[in-house]
Amino acid sequence: MIVESAPLGPIGQISRQVRDIGAAVTWYRDVLGLPHLFTFGTLAFFDCGGVRLYLQEGQKEVGEPGDSTLYFRVDDIQGVHRRLSERGVTFLGAPHLIHRHASGVEEWMAFFEDLDGKVLALMSQVKPGL
């Protein structure tokens, strides 16, 4: 018997737990600059380039299973790092080279913390000669 699998579409939403939904809405909207879609009670939703970020207030401790690192694609990692640093974002280090592909394209990342100390990251592909 052949079972046909249903193809999965793109990711539509990612969830993340926060300690204080009001503070998180302010930080994700005003500091990171994500478009705020709506808030309903202790739930808030943001647009991340077509993928919805769903924040829910809760009591999970940092490091407990279940949270993922969010990686935000940016064109100018140095510029975004500088602007977010000026807004008070705590980076765990400067943007740094992760990998150089055979084509010469470089993968760069910079990791930072949200209000609850959970890790997020900037990621950028830099083409040779730029």
N, C-alpha and C. Protein backbone atom coordinates (compact mmCIF):
# COMPACT_ATOMS: atom_id res chain seq x y z
N MET A 1 0.84 -1.18 0.00
CA MET A 1 0.00 0.00 0.00
C MET A 1 0.89 1.25 0.00
N ILE A 2 0.62 2.18 -0.89
CA ILE A 2 1.36 3.43 -0.97
C ILE A 2 0.54 4.51 -0.27
N VAL A 3 1.19 5.18 0.68
CA VAL A 3 0.52 6.26 1.40
C VAL A 3 1.09 7.58 0.90
N GLU A 4 0.21 8.41 0.38
CA GLU A 4 0.65 9.72 -0.09
C GLU A 4 0.67 10.68 1.08
N SER A 5 1.79 11.37 1.23
CA SER A 5 1.86 12.34 2.33
C SER A 5 1.38 13.70 1.85
N ALA A 6 0.74 14.39 2.75
CA ALA A 6 0.29 15.75 2.44
C ALA A 6 1.49 16.68 2.56
N PRO A 7 1.75 17.49 1.55
CA PRO A 7 2.89 18.40 1.63
C PRO A 7 2.63 19.48 2.69
N LEU A 8 3.65 19.78 3.44
CA LEU A 8 3.55 20.84 4.43
C LEU A 8 3.81 22.18 3.77
N GLY A 9 3.08 23.16 4.19
CA GLY A 9 3.30 24.51 3.69
C GLY A 9 4.35 25.21 4.54
N PRO A 10 4.55 26.49 4.29
CA PRO A 10 5.53 27.24 5.09
C PRO A 10 5.04 27.38 6.52
N ILE A 11 5.97 27.66 7.42
CA ILE A 11 5.60 27.88 8.82
C ILE A 11 4.74 29.13 8.89
N GLY A 12 3.61 29.03 9.58
CA GLY A 12 2.67 30.14 9.69
C GLY A 12 2.79 30.90 10.99
N GLN A 13 3.21 30.19 12.06
CA GLN A 13 3.26 30.84 13.37
C GLN A 13 4.27 30.13 14.26
N ILE A 14 4.95 30.93 15.08
CA ILE A 14 5.89 30.41 16.08
C ILE A 14 5.46 30.99 17.41
N SER A 15 5.45 30.16 18.47
CA SER A 15 5.06 30.66 19.78
C SER A 15 6.26 30.77 20.70
N ARG A 16 6.15 31.68 21.65
CA ARG A 16 7.21 31.91 22.62
C ARG A 16 6.55 32.42 23.89
N GLN A 17 7.01 31.91 25.03
CA GLN A 17 6.46 32.32 26.30
C GLN A 17 7.24 33.50 26.86
N VAL A 18 6.53 34.46 27.45
CA VAL A 18 7.13 35.64 28.08
C VAL A 18 6.56 35.78 29.48
N ARG A 19 7.28 36.48 30.34
CA ARG A 19 6.81 36.67 31.73
C ARG A 19 5.75 37.75 31.86
N ASP A 20 5.88 38.84 31.08
CA ASP A 20 4.98 39.99 31.20
C ASP A 20 4.58 40.41 29.79
N ILE A 21 3.32 40.16 29.42
CA ILE A 21 2.89 40.40 28.04
C ILE A 21 2.94 41.88 27.69
N GLY A 22 2.60 42.77 28.62
CA GLY A 22 2.64 44.20 28.34
C GLY A 22 4.04 44.68 28.03
N ALA A 23 5.00 44.29 28.87
CA ALA A 23 6.40 44.66 28.65
C ALA A 23 6.91 44.04 27.35
N ALA A 24 6.52 42.80 27.07
CA ALA A 24 6.97 42.12 25.85
C ALA A 24 6.42 42.81 24.60
N VAL A 25 5.15 43.22 24.64
CA VAL A 25 4.58 43.92 23.48
C VAL A 25 5.36 45.20 23.22
N THR A 26 5.63 45.96 24.26
CA THR A 26 6.40 47.20 24.10
C THR A 26 7.78 46.92 23.53
N TRP A 27 8.47 45.90 24.05
CA TRP A 27 9.83 45.59 23.61
C TRP A 27 9.87 45.09 22.17
N TYR A 28 9.04 44.10 21.82
CA TYR A 28 9.04 43.55 20.46
C TYR A 28 8.58 44.59 19.44
N ARG A 29 7.61 45.45 19.83
CA ARG A 29 7.10 46.48 18.92
C ARG A 29 8.05 47.68 18.83
N ASP A 30 8.42 48.26 19.98
CA ASP A 30 9.15 49.53 19.98
C ASP A 30 10.66 49.37 19.88
N VAL A 31 11.22 48.32 20.45
CA VAL A 31 12.67 48.14 20.41
C VAL A 31 13.08 47.36 19.16
N LEU A 32 12.44 46.20 18.93
CA LEU A 32 12.78 45.41 17.74
C LEU A 32 12.11 45.95 16.47
N GLY A 33 11.00 46.66 16.64
CA GLY A 33 10.32 47.23 15.49
C GLY A 33 9.44 46.26 14.73
N LEU A 34 8.99 45.18 15.38
CA LEU A 34 8.11 44.22 14.70
C LEU A 34 6.69 44.78 14.62
N PRO A 35 6.01 44.61 13.50
CA PRO A 35 4.63 45.07 13.39
C PRO A 35 3.72 44.28 14.34
N HIS A 36 3.04 44.99 15.24
CA HIS A 36 2.12 44.38 16.21
C HIS A 36 0.78 44.16 15.52
N LEU A 37 0.32 42.93 15.50
CA LEU A 37 -0.95 42.61 14.85
C LEU A 37 -2.11 42.83 15.80
N PHE A 38 -2.08 42.20 16.98
CA PHE A 38 -3.13 42.38 17.98
C PHE A 38 -2.73 41.72 19.29
N THR A 39 -3.39 42.14 20.35
CA THR A 39 -3.22 41.55 21.68
C THR A 39 -4.60 41.16 22.17
N PHE A 40 -4.68 39.98 22.77
CA PHE A 40 -5.94 39.49 23.33
C PHE A 40 -5.62 38.89 24.70
N GLY A 41 -5.93 39.61 25.77
CA GLY A 41 -5.61 39.12 27.11
C GLY A 41 -4.11 38.99 27.28
N THR A 42 -3.66 37.77 27.58
CA THR A 42 -2.23 37.52 27.79
C THR A 42 -1.55 36.94 26.54
N LEU A 43 -2.14 37.19 25.38
CA LEU A 43 -1.60 36.72 24.10
C LEU A 43 -1.35 37.93 23.20
N ALA A 44 -0.21 37.94 22.51
CA ALA A 44 0.08 39.02 21.56
C ALA A 44 0.67 38.41 20.29
N PHE A 45 0.37 39.05 19.17
CA PHE A 45 0.79 38.54 17.87
C PHE A 45 1.49 39.63 17.07
N PHE A 46 2.59 39.24 16.40
CA PHE A 46 3.40 40.14 15.59
C PHE A 46 3.62 39.51 14.24
N ASP A 47 3.86 40.36 13.23
CA ASP A 47 4.20 39.87 11.90
C ASP A 47 5.71 39.88 11.73
N CYS A 48 6.26 38.74 11.35
CA CYS A 48 7.70 38.61 11.07
C CYS A 48 7.87 38.22 9.62
N GLY A 49 7.59 39.15 8.73
CA GLY A 49 7.74 38.88 7.30
C GLY A 49 6.83 37.78 6.79
N GLY A 50 5.61 37.73 7.30
CA GLY A 50 4.66 36.71 6.86
C GLY A 50 4.52 35.53 7.80
N VAL A 51 5.43 35.37 8.74
CA VAL A 51 5.32 34.35 9.78
C VAL A 51 4.85 35.08 11.04
N ARG A 52 3.81 34.55 11.66
CA ARG A 52 3.27 35.20 12.85
C ARG A 52 4.02 34.74 14.09
N LEU A 53 4.43 35.70 14.92
CA LEU A 53 5.05 35.41 16.21
C LEU A 53 3.97 35.56 17.27
N TYR A 54 3.74 34.49 18.02
CA TYR A 54 2.71 34.44 19.04
C TYR A 54 3.39 34.41 20.41
N LEU A 55 3.17 35.45 21.20
CA LEU A 55 3.72 35.52 22.55
C LEU A 55 2.61 35.25 23.55
N GLN A 56 2.93 34.42 24.55
CA GLN A 56 1.95 34.10 25.58
C GLN A 56 2.60 34.28 26.94
N GLU A 57 1.91 34.99 27.81
CA GLU A 57 2.43 35.18 29.16
C GLU A 57 2.38 33.86 29.92
N GLY A 58 3.46 33.54 30.62
CA GLY A 58 3.53 32.30 31.38
C GLY A 58 4.69 32.32 32.35
N GLN A 59 4.92 31.19 33.01
CA GLN A 59 5.92 31.13 34.07
C GLN A 59 7.07 30.18 33.78
N LYS A 60 7.27 29.77 32.54
CA LYS A 60 8.37 28.87 32.21
C LYS A 60 9.70 29.53 32.54
N GLU A 61 10.61 28.78 33.12
CA GLU A 61 11.93 29.31 33.47
C GLU A 61 12.86 29.29 32.25
N VAL A 62 13.81 30.22 32.22
CA VAL A 62 14.80 30.26 31.14
C VAL A 62 15.55 28.94 31.11
N GLY A 63 15.71 28.38 29.94
CA GLY A 63 16.43 27.13 29.78
C GLY A 63 15.55 25.90 29.83
N GLU A 64 14.29 26.04 30.23
CA GLU A 64 13.39 24.89 30.22
C GLU A 64 13.12 24.49 28.77
N PRO A 65 12.87 23.21 28.53
CA PRO A 65 12.58 22.77 27.16
C PRO A 65 11.35 23.49 26.61
N GLY A 66 11.36 23.69 25.30
CA GLY A 66 10.19 24.23 24.65
C GLY A 66 10.40 25.55 23.94
N ASP A 67 11.37 26.34 24.34
CA ASP A 67 11.63 27.60 23.64
C ASP A 67 12.70 27.40 22.59
N SER A 68 12.51 28.06 21.48
CA SER A 68 13.48 28.01 20.39
C SER A 68 14.13 29.37 20.22
N THR A 69 15.31 29.38 19.65
CA THR A 69 15.95 30.64 19.31
C THR A 69 15.28 31.17 18.05
N LEU A 70 14.91 32.44 18.05
CA LEU A 70 14.34 33.07 16.88
C LEU A 70 15.47 33.75 16.12
N TYR A 71 15.59 33.46 14.84
CA TYR A 71 16.63 34.04 13.99
C TYR A 71 15.97 34.99 13.01
N PHE A 72 16.32 36.27 13.08
CA PHE A 72 15.76 37.29 12.20
C PHE A 72 16.73 37.58 11.06
N ARG A 73 16.27 37.41 9.81
CA ARG A 73 17.10 37.72 8.65
C ARG A 73 17.18 39.24 8.51
N VAL A 74 18.40 39.73 8.27
CA VAL A 74 18.62 41.16 8.03
C VAL A 74 19.61 41.30 6.89
N ASP A 75 19.52 42.41 6.16
CA ASP A 75 20.46 42.65 5.07
C ASP A 75 21.78 43.22 5.59
N ASP A 76 21.71 44.13 6.55
CA ASP A 76 22.89 44.82 7.06
C ASP A 76 23.05 44.49 8.54
N ILE A 77 23.72 43.38 8.85
CA ILE A 77 23.82 42.92 10.24
C ILE A 77 24.56 43.93 11.12
N GLN A 78 25.59 44.59 10.58
CA GLN A 78 26.33 45.57 11.37
C GLN A 78 25.44 46.76 11.72
N GLY A 79 24.68 47.25 10.75
CA GLY A 79 23.80 48.38 10.97
C GLY A 79 22.67 48.07 11.93
N VAL A 80 22.04 46.90 11.77
CA VAL A 80 20.95 46.50 12.67
C VAL A 80 21.49 46.28 14.08
N HIS A 81 22.66 45.66 14.19
CA HIS A 81 23.29 45.47 15.50
C HIS A 81 23.50 46.82 16.18
N ARG A 82 24.00 47.78 15.45
CA ARG A 82 24.26 49.11 16.01
C ARG A 82 22.95 49.78 16.46
N ARG A 83 21.93 49.76 15.60
CA ARG A 83 20.65 50.40 15.94
C ARG A 83 19.98 49.74 17.14
N LEU A 84 19.98 48.41 17.20
CA LEU A 84 19.36 47.72 18.35
C LEU A 84 20.16 47.97 19.62
N SER A 85 21.48 48.00 19.52
CA SER A 85 22.31 48.31 20.69
C SER A 85 21.98 49.69 21.24
N GLU A 86 21.77 50.65 20.33
CA GLU A 86 21.41 52.01 20.74
C GLU A 86 20.06 52.04 21.43
N ARG A 87 19.19 51.08 21.14
CA ARG A 87 17.87 51.00 21.77
C ARG A 87 17.90 50.19 23.06
N GLY A 88 19.09 49.76 23.48
CA GLY A 88 19.22 49.05 24.75
C GLY A 88 19.19 47.54 24.68
N VAL A 89 19.22 46.97 23.48
CA VAL A 89 19.24 45.51 23.34
C VAL A 89 20.59 45.00 23.82
N THR A 90 20.56 43.92 24.63
CA THR A 90 21.77 43.32 25.17
C THR A 90 22.25 42.21 24.24
N PHE A 91 23.37 42.47 23.56
CA PHE A 91 23.96 41.46 22.68
C PHE A 91 24.97 40.62 23.44
N LEU A 92 25.07 39.36 23.05
CA LEU A 92 26.00 38.43 23.70
C LEU A 92 27.38 38.49 23.05
N GLY A 93 27.52 39.31 22.04
CA GLY A 93 28.78 39.49 21.32
C GLY A 93 28.50 40.25 20.04
N ALA A 94 29.54 40.65 19.38
CA ALA A 94 29.42 41.38 18.12
C ALA A 94 29.02 40.42 17.00
N PRO A 95 28.50 40.95 15.89
CA PRO A 95 28.24 40.10 14.73
C PRO A 95 29.53 39.39 14.32
N HIS A 96 29.39 38.11 13.99
CA HIS A 96 30.59 37.34 13.66
C HIS A 96 30.30 36.34 12.53
N LEU A 97 31.36 36.01 11.82
CA LEU A 97 31.29 35.06 10.71
C LEU A 97 31.06 33.65 11.26
N ILE A 98 30.07 32.98 10.71
CA ILE A 98 29.75 31.60 11.10
C ILE A 98 30.32 30.61 10.08
N HIS A 99 30.18 30.96 8.78
CA HIS A 99 30.57 30.02 7.73
C HIS A 99 30.80 30.78 6.42
N ARG A 100 31.76 30.32 5.64
CA ARG A 100 31.98 30.85 4.29
C ARG A 100 31.72 29.72 3.31
N HIS A 101 30.74 29.91 2.43
CA HIS A 101 30.41 28.91 1.41
C HIS A 101 31.47 28.90 0.32
N ALA A 102 31.51 27.82 -0.47
CA ALA A 102 32.46 27.71 -1.58
C ALA A 102 32.30 28.87 -2.56
N SER A 103 31.08 29.41 -2.66
CA SER A 103 30.81 30.54 -3.56
C SER A 103 31.38 31.85 -3.03
N GLY A 104 31.83 31.84 -1.77
CA GLY A 104 32.32 33.05 -1.14
C GLY A 104 31.29 33.76 -0.27
N VAL A 105 30.02 33.37 -0.39
CA VAL A 105 28.97 33.97 0.44
C VAL A 105 29.25 33.63 1.90
N GLU A 106 29.15 34.65 2.75
CA GLU A 106 29.41 34.46 4.18
C GLU A 106 28.12 34.49 4.99
N GLU A 107 28.06 33.61 5.99
CA GLU A 107 26.94 33.57 6.93
C GLU A 107 27.40 34.27 8.20
N TRP A 108 26.70 35.32 8.60
CA TRP A 108 27.02 36.08 9.81
C TRP A 108 25.86 36.00 10.79
N MET A 109 26.18 36.01 12.10
CA MET A 109 25.16 36.00 13.13
C MET A 109 25.59 36.87 14.30
N ALA A 110 24.58 37.33 15.03
CA ALA A 110 24.79 38.06 16.29
C ALA A 110 23.64 37.68 17.21
N PHE A 111 23.97 37.25 18.41
CA PHE A 111 22.96 36.77 19.36
C PHE A 111 22.67 37.82 20.41
N PHE A 112 21.39 37.91 20.81
CA PHE A 112 20.98 38.87 21.83
C PHE A 112 19.88 38.28 22.69
N GLU A 113 19.56 38.98 23.78
CA GLU A 113 18.56 38.49 24.73
C GLU A 113 17.30 39.34 24.70
N ASP A 114 16.16 38.67 24.97
CA ASP A 114 14.92 39.41 25.13
C ASP A 114 14.79 39.84 26.59
N LEU A 115 13.65 40.36 26.97
CA LEU A 115 13.43 40.84 28.34
C LEU A 115 13.54 39.75 29.39
N ASP A 116 13.29 38.50 28.98
CA ASP A 116 13.33 37.37 29.91
C ASP A 116 14.65 36.63 29.87
N GLY A 117 15.64 37.15 29.14
CA GLY A 117 16.95 36.50 29.05
C GLY A 117 17.00 35.36 28.05
N LYS A 118 15.97 35.24 27.20
CA LYS A 118 15.95 34.18 26.18
C LYS A 118 16.66 34.68 24.94
N VAL A 119 17.31 33.76 24.24
CA VAL A 119 18.18 34.12 23.12
C VAL A 119 17.40 34.29 21.82
N LEU A 120 17.76 35.36 21.10
CA LEU A 120 17.31 35.62 19.74
C LEU A 120 18.56 35.90 18.93
N ALA A 121 18.43 35.98 17.62
CA ALA A 121 19.63 36.21 16.80
C ALA A 121 19.30 36.99 15.55
N LEU A 122 20.31 37.70 15.07
CA LEU A 122 20.29 38.29 13.75
C LEU A 122 21.08 37.36 12.84
N MET A 123 20.64 37.19 11.61
CA MET A 123 21.40 36.40 10.66
C MET A 123 21.42 37.12 9.32
N SER A 124 22.58 37.02 8.64
CA SER A 124 22.74 37.73 7.39
C SER A 124 23.66 36.96 6.47
N GLN A 125 23.34 36.99 5.18
CA GLN A 125 24.25 36.43 4.18
C GLN A 125 24.93 37.60 3.48
N VAL A 126 26.25 37.58 3.46
CA VAL A 126 27.03 38.65 2.85
C VAL A 126 27.71 38.09 1.62
N LYS A 127 27.41 38.71 0.48
CA LYS A 127 28.00 38.26 -0.79
C LYS A 127 29.42 38.81 -0.93
N PRO A 128 30.29 38.09 -1.63
CA PRO A 128 31.67 38.55 -1.80
C PRO A 128 31.71 39.95 -2.43
N GLY A 129 32.65 40.75 -1.94
CA GLY A 129 32.84 42.08 -2.49
C GLY A 129 31.95 43.14 -1.89
N LEU A 130 31.13 42.78 -0.90
CA LEU A 130 30.25 43.79 -0.27
C LEU A 130 30.76 44.18 1.07
